[in-house]
Amino acid sequence: MNGNSFKIWTAQIRAPFLILAVFLVVIGLAFSVKYPQDSGTAFNWLHAVILGIGVVLSHVSVNLFNEYSDFKTKIDFNTTRTPFSGGSGMIQAGNTRPENVKTVGIITLLIAFAVGIYFAIVSHWIVLLFSVVGALSVLFYTNFLAKRILGELFAGLALGTLVVLGTYVAMTASPGMPLQGLFPKEVIWVSIPPGILTSLLLLINQFPDHEADKEGGRKHLVIRFGLKGASYIYTAGMFATFAIIVLVPIIGISSYWIYIALLPLPLGVKAAMTAIRHGDDLGKLVSALGSNVMTVLLTDLLLAVSVFIDVL
């Protein structure tokens, strides 16, 4: 692959956004250090790297399947592309072929699923369950879930909560361990905000494309409830995310170090207020999309940092 091809495929897989998958894995890794099931077992760096590769490849896969589907349904021909929405434009520009995009999507999904099978064997069978949910979410997102108001929910699960839980159990569990006590309460509670944030990332990025999506046969939350209704759903999700972070130390589940993850809150408030006031104004909405991306990434990163600090 020459330099130009590399640049094209980097854009095609939307590489800058793959950092989300990395941060989700890091949260799970942080918890595996804090709550090792076997205190005598050293942190397995090889397993950590394999997990990261698997989750990143699953993210690559869903991006590619989404681009292929949006090309076939003509959705991306009718969108106003922004740095955060509307697809990469690589297929439309003739830089990549649709069938090649689909093939790479299949290959990356198979590799990611193989990683899940490996950890289901060496760690715990529940990793396979999480992997199946993730794989089905990738395969059926565009042609089923996004047409039945389920896309945001499964995106939050597959590229949010289940990544944190799956990474933790893959790093700490062993075959035959009972489900009871497999996940510490803090791991469960703290896995919820990243799931909500991933759902919100998808939700607000649908604002500029909702008309094209509707013509392409989709039926997500923005289409179902309209821009104003979806903006209130987005705001409620943002409130729930940070409310959980505020709550967990108060009820004795997490340490107060987790409050450093509240630092991106002003960005989240800005995104929510802009969505409510200017959801139909693309020029003003783009800043909200950017604020939302930063809110998601910084909150996930700081959740991981707070756990590592608590371990020290």
Protein backbone atom coordinates (compact mmCIF):
# COMPACT_ATOMS: atom_id res chain seq x y z
CA MET A 1 0.00 0.00 0.00
CA ASN A 2 1.50 3.34 -1.06
CA GLY A 3 1.25 6.55 0.91
CA ASN A 4 -1.79 7.79 -0.98
CA SER A 5 -3.67 4.51 -0.48
CA PHE A 6 -2.83 4.58 3.20
CA LYS A 7 -4.22 8.10 3.48
CA ILE A 8 -7.39 7.09 1.64
CA TRP A 9 -8.05 4.05 3.80
CA THR A 10 -7.26 6.01 6.95
CA ALA A 11 -10.06 8.36 5.92
CA GLN A 12 -12.28 5.46 4.83
CA ILE A 13 -12.19 3.77 8.24
CA ARG A 14 -12.51 7.19 9.94
CA ALA A 15 -9.32 6.53 11.89
CA PRO A 16 -9.41 9.58 14.23
CA PHE A 17 -12.66 8.31 15.76
CA LEU A 18 -11.18 4.89 16.60
CA ILE A 19 -9.63 6.44 19.71
CA LEU A 20 -13.06 5.91 21.30
CA ALA A 21 -12.54 2.13 21.17
CA VAL A 22 -9.09 2.49 22.71
CA PHE A 23 -10.35 4.60 25.62
CA LEU A 24 -13.14 2.11 26.34
CA VAL A 25 -10.62 -0.71 26.53
CA VAL A 26 -8.40 1.38 28.79
CA ILE A 27 -11.29 1.80 31.27
CA GLY A 28 -11.65 -1.98 31.43
CA LEU A 29 -7.89 -2.42 31.79
CA ALA A 30 -7.82 0.10 34.63
CA PHE A 31 -10.44 -1.90 36.48
CA SER A 32 -8.52 -5.13 35.88
CA VAL A 33 -5.62 -3.55 37.75
CA LYS A 34 -7.86 -2.33 40.56
CA TYR A 35 -9.88 -5.53 40.92
CA PRO A 36 -7.74 -8.51 39.89
CA GLN A 37 -9.60 -11.77 40.50
CA ASP A 38 -6.26 -13.42 41.35
CA SER A 39 -3.91 -11.06 43.17
CA GLY A 40 -0.98 -13.33 42.37
CA THR A 41 -1.41 -13.01 38.60
CA ALA A 42 0.61 -10.34 36.81
CA PHE A 43 -1.02 -7.95 34.36
CA ASN A 44 -0.98 -9.61 30.94
CA TRP A 45 0.23 -6.98 28.49
CA LEU A 46 -0.13 -9.27 25.49
CA HIS A 47 -3.79 -9.86 26.31
CA ALA A 48 -4.30 -6.13 26.75
CA VAL A 49 -2.89 -5.45 23.27
CA ILE A 50 -4.95 -8.24 21.68
CA LEU A 51 -8.11 -6.87 23.29
CA GLY A 52 -7.35 -3.40 22.04
CA ILE A 53 -6.81 -4.68 18.51
CA GLY A 54 -10.03 -6.69 18.61
CA VAL A 55 -12.19 -3.79 19.79
CA VAL A 56 -10.60 -1.32 17.36
CA LEU A 57 -11.19 -3.73 14.47
CA SER A 58 -14.83 -4.12 15.46
CA HIS A 59 -15.13 -0.32 15.35
CA VAL A 60 -13.45 -0.29 11.93
CA SER A 61 -15.89 -2.94 10.75
CA VAL A 62 -19.03 -1.06 11.75
CA ASN A 63 -17.68 2.10 10.12
CA LEU A 64 -17.07 0.25 6.86
CA PHE A 65 -20.41 -1.54 6.84
CA ASN A 66 -22.11 1.76 7.52
CA GLU A 67 -20.31 3.46 4.64
CA TYR A 68 -21.10 0.58 2.28
CA SER A 69 -24.78 0.62 3.25
CA ASP A 70 -25.04 4.40 2.96
CA PHE A 71 -23.54 4.17 -0.53
CA LYS A 72 -25.98 1.47 -1.62
CA THR A 73 -29.00 3.35 -0.22
CA LYS A 74 -27.71 6.66 -1.65
CA ILE A 75 -27.84 8.26 1.82
CA ASP A 76 -24.31 9.65 1.61
CA PHE A 77 -25.08 11.20 -1.78
CA ASN A 78 -27.70 13.41 -0.13
CA THR A 79 -25.94 14.43 3.08
CA THR A 80 -24.07 17.64 3.84
CA ARG A 81 -20.74 16.29 5.01
CA THR A 82 -19.20 17.68 8.20
CA PRO A 83 -16.03 16.63 10.06
CA PHE A 84 -18.27 14.55 12.32
CA SER A 85 -21.10 13.29 10.12
CA GLY A 86 -22.07 12.44 6.57
CA GLY A 87 -19.51 9.69 5.99
CA SER A 88 -15.96 9.85 4.70
CA GLY A 89 -16.91 10.47 1.06
CA MET A 90 -14.21 8.07 -0.14
CA ILE A 91 -16.55 5.78 -2.08
CA GLN A 92 -18.47 8.68 -3.60
CA ALA A 93 -15.19 10.24 -4.75
CA GLY A 94 -14.14 6.98 -6.40
CA ASN A 95 -11.16 6.55 -4.09
CA THR A 96 -12.37 3.17 -2.85
CA ARG A 97 -14.63 0.54 -4.37
CA PRO A 98 -17.83 -0.43 -2.52
CA GLU A 99 -17.13 -4.15 -2.71
CA ASN A 100 -13.62 -3.65 -1.33
CA VAL A 101 -15.04 -1.65 1.57
CA LYS A 102 -17.51 -4.44 2.28
CA THR A 103 -14.79 -7.10 2.07
CA VAL A 104 -12.50 -5.28 4.50
CA GLY A 105 -15.50 -4.80 6.81
CA ILE A 106 -16.10 -8.56 6.81
CA ILE A 107 -12.42 -9.37 7.40
CA THR A 108 -12.06 -6.94 10.31
CA LEU A 109 -15.27 -8.25 11.88
CA LEU A 110 -14.08 -11.87 11.61
CA ILE A 111 -10.75 -11.02 13.23
CA ALA A 112 -12.51 -9.13 16.02
CA PHE A 113 -14.87 -12.05 16.59
CA ALA A 114 -11.92 -14.46 16.65
CA VAL A 115 -10.43 -12.35 19.44
CA GLY A 116 -13.71 -12.71 21.33
CA ILE A 117 -13.68 -16.49 20.88
CA TYR A 118 -10.09 -16.66 22.15
CA PHE A 119 -10.95 -14.83 25.36
CA ALA A 120 -14.12 -16.87 25.77
CA ILE A 121 -11.84 -19.94 25.87
CA VAL A 122 -9.01 -18.61 28.05
CA SER A 123 -11.04 -16.30 30.30
CA HIS A 124 -14.82 -16.77 30.51
CA TRP A 125 -17.69 -17.81 28.26
CA ILE A 126 -19.56 -14.54 28.85
CA VAL A 127 -17.00 -12.83 26.59
CA LEU A 128 -18.47 -14.85 23.73
CA LEU A 129 -21.94 -13.55 24.58
CA PHE A 130 -20.65 -9.98 24.51
CA SER A 131 -18.86 -10.70 21.21
CA VAL A 132 -22.03 -12.09 19.65
CA VAL A 133 -23.98 -8.98 20.67
CA GLY A 134 -21.22 -6.84 19.20
CA ALA A 135 -21.04 -8.79 15.96
CA LEU A 136 -24.81 -8.75 15.48
CA SER A 137 -24.83 -5.01 16.17
CA VAL A 138 -22.21 -4.49 13.47
CA LEU A 139 -23.95 -6.71 10.92
CA PHE A 140 -27.51 -5.52 11.49
CA TYR A 141 -27.05 -1.89 12.48
CA THR A 142 -27.72 -0.27 9.11
CA ASN A 143 -30.23 -2.72 7.66
CA PHE A 144 -32.25 -3.54 10.79
CA LEU A 145 -31.45 -1.72 14.03
CA ALA A 146 -31.29 1.78 12.52
CA LYS A 147 -34.67 1.17 10.90
CA ARG A 148 -36.37 0.22 14.18
CA ILE A 149 -35.22 2.90 16.64
CA LEU A 150 -32.70 0.42 18.11
CA GLY A 151 -29.48 1.73 16.61
CA GLU A 152 -28.56 4.09 19.41
CA LEU A 153 -29.26 1.47 22.09
CA PHE A 154 -27.13 -1.25 20.52
CA ALA A 155 -24.35 1.18 19.63
CA GLY A 156 -24.13 2.16 23.29
CA LEU A 157 -24.01 -1.48 24.33
CA ALA A 158 -21.66 -2.82 21.67
CA LEU A 159 -19.24 0.12 21.60
CA GLY A 160 -19.64 1.28 25.15
CA THR A 161 -20.79 -0.65 28.20
CA LEU A 162 -20.01 -4.16 26.93
CA VAL A 163 -16.48 -3.15 25.89
CA VAL A 164 -15.69 -2.02 29.43
CA LEU A 165 -17.26 -5.12 30.99
CA GLY A 166 -15.80 -7.47 28.39
CA THR A 167 -12.29 -6.07 28.73
CA TYR A 168 -12.42 -6.39 32.50
CA VAL A 169 -13.61 -10.00 32.53
CA ALA A 170 -11.27 -11.00 29.70
CA MET A 171 -8.31 -9.72 31.73
CA THR A 172 -9.32 -11.10 35.12
CA ALA A 173 -11.62 -14.12 34.83
CA SER A 174 -10.88 -17.79 34.36
CA PRO A 175 -13.00 -20.57 32.83
CA GLY A 176 -15.67 -21.91 35.13
CA MET A 177 -15.94 -18.87 37.37
CA PRO A 178 -19.55 -18.30 38.49
CA LEU A 179 -21.35 -15.25 37.16
CA GLN A 180 -22.07 -14.07 40.67
CA GLY A 181 -19.29 -11.75 41.70
CA LEU A 182 -17.72 -11.78 38.23
CA PHE A 183 -18.13 -8.00 37.98
CA PRO A 184 -17.49 -5.70 40.97
CA LYS A 185 -20.27 -3.16 41.51
CA GLU A 186 -18.03 -0.27 40.56
CA VAL A 187 -17.18 -1.86 37.21
CA ILE A 188 -20.87 -2.29 36.41
CA TRP A 189 -21.85 1.24 37.44
CA VAL A 190 -18.95 2.98 35.73
CA SER A 191 -19.52 1.02 32.50
CA ILE A 192 -22.91 2.74 32.10
CA PRO A 193 -21.77 6.35 31.34
CA PRO A 194 -19.53 5.27 28.43
CA GLY A 195 -22.46 3.36 26.96
CA ILE A 196 -24.75 6.37 27.20
CA LEU A 197 -22.08 8.63 25.72
CA THR A 198 -21.59 6.38 22.70
CA SER A 199 -25.35 6.43 22.12
CA LEU A 200 -25.33 10.22 22.35
CA LEU A 201 -22.43 10.41 19.92
CA LEU A 202 -24.50 8.56 17.37
CA LEU A 203 -27.67 10.46 18.20
CA ILE A 204 -26.44 14.01 17.71
CA ASN A 205 -24.41 13.08 14.62
CA GLN A 206 -27.72 12.07 13.01
CA PHE A 207 -29.12 15.60 13.22
CA PRO A 208 -27.53 16.90 9.98
CA ASP A 209 -28.39 13.69 8.09
CA HIS A 210 -31.92 13.01 9.29
CA GLU A 211 -33.65 13.92 6.01
CA ALA A 212 -31.26 11.80 3.93
CA ASP A 213 -31.55 8.97 6.46
CA LYS A 214 -35.34 9.12 6.23
CA GLU A 215 -35.24 8.89 2.46
CA GLY A 216 -32.83 5.96 2.79
CA GLY A 217 -35.28 4.00 4.92
CA ARG A 218 -33.88 4.60 8.37
CA LYS A 219 -36.00 5.28 11.42
CA HIS A 220 -33.79 6.40 14.27
CA LEU A 221 -34.62 8.63 17.23
CA VAL A 222 -34.17 11.90 15.33
CA ILE A 223 -36.62 10.76 12.65
CA ARG A 224 -39.07 9.33 15.18
CA PHE A 225 -39.14 12.31 17.57
CA GLY A 226 -37.98 15.16 15.35
CA LEU A 227 -35.05 17.50 15.94
CA LYS A 228 -36.55 19.15 19.01
CA GLY A 229 -37.62 15.91 20.65
CA ALA A 230 -34.28 14.26 19.89
CA SER A 231 -32.45 17.26 21.36
CA TYR A 232 -34.30 16.74 24.65
CA ILE A 233 -33.48 13.03 24.59
CA TYR A 234 -29.84 13.96 24.00
CA THR A 235 -29.91 16.41 26.91
CA ALA A 236 -31.51 13.82 29.20
CA GLY A 237 -28.80 11.33 28.26
CA MET A 238 -26.06 13.85 28.98
CA PHE A 239 -27.66 14.61 32.36
CA ALA A 240 -27.90 10.90 33.19
CA THR A 241 -24.25 10.34 32.28
CA PHE A 242 -22.88 12.93 34.66
CA ALA A 243 -25.52 12.24 37.32
CA ILE A 244 -24.22 8.67 37.58
CA ILE A 245 -20.66 9.96 37.90
CA VAL A 246 -21.75 12.30 40.70
CA LEU A 247 -23.74 9.56 42.41
CA VAL A 248 -21.33 6.63 42.60
CA PRO A 249 -18.97 8.09 45.24
CA ILE A 250 -21.94 9.30 47.32
CA ILE A 251 -23.39 5.79 47.54
CA GLY A 252 -19.98 4.33 48.34
CA ILE A 253 -19.34 2.51 45.06
CA SER A 254 -16.47 4.59 43.72
CA SER A 255 -13.89 6.99 45.09
CA TYR A 256 -14.20 10.74 44.73
CA TRP A 257 -11.37 10.68 42.22
CA ILE A 258 -14.03 9.87 39.63
CA TYR A 259 -15.12 13.50 39.84
CA ILE A 260 -12.25 14.44 37.53
CA ALA A 261 -14.47 12.93 34.81
CA LEU A 262 -16.84 15.85 35.40
CA LEU A 263 -14.35 18.24 33.79
CA PRO A 264 -15.88 17.85 30.28
CA LEU A 265 -19.36 18.67 31.64
CA PRO A 266 -19.35 22.27 30.30
CA LEU A 267 -18.71 20.90 26.81
CA GLY A 268 -21.64 18.52 27.22
CA VAL A 269 -23.89 21.35 28.40
CA LYS A 270 -22.81 23.47 25.41
CA ALA A 271 -23.60 20.64 23.00
CA ALA A 272 -27.00 20.04 24.60
CA MET A 273 -28.01 23.71 24.60
CA THR A 274 -26.90 24.15 21.00
CA ALA A 275 -28.86 21.05 19.94
CA ILE A 276 -32.00 22.39 21.63
CA ARG A 277 -31.70 25.92 20.25
CA HIS A 278 -30.11 25.32 16.85
CA GLY A 279 -30.71 21.68 15.96
CA ASP A 280 -31.92 22.72 12.51
CA ASP A 281 -29.06 25.15 11.82
CA LEU A 282 -26.12 23.15 10.47
CA GLY A 283 -23.75 26.09 10.67
CA LYS A 284 -24.27 26.39 14.42
CA LEU A 285 -24.76 22.67 15.02
CA VAL A 286 -21.29 21.71 13.82
CA SER A 287 -19.75 23.28 16.94
CA ALA A 288 -22.09 21.14 19.06
CA LEU A 289 -20.97 18.02 17.21
CA GLY A 290 -17.37 18.91 18.00
CA SER A 291 -18.18 19.64 21.65
CA ASN A 292 -19.98 16.31 21.87
CA VAL A 293 -17.02 14.36 20.48
CA MET A 294 -14.70 16.00 23.00
CA THR A 295 -17.17 15.32 25.82
CA VAL A 296 -17.33 11.64 24.95
CA LEU A 297 -13.61 11.10 24.53
CA LEU A 298 -12.48 13.19 27.50
CA THR A 299 -15.04 11.68 29.86
CA ASP A 300 -14.08 8.12 28.89
CA LEU A 301 -10.39 8.93 29.23
CA LEU A 302 -10.82 10.63 32.60
CA LEU A 303 -12.89 7.73 33.92
CA ALA A 304 -9.92 5.48 33.18
CA VAL A 305 -7.48 7.97 34.70
CA SER A 306 -9.58 8.20 37.88
CA VAL A 307 -9.45 4.43 38.32
CA PHE A 308 -5.68 4.32 37.79
CA ILE A 309 -5.20 7.15 40.31
CA ASP A 310 -7.30 5.26 42.82
CA VAL A 311 -5.05 2.22 42.43
CA LEU A 312 -1.87 4.21 43.17
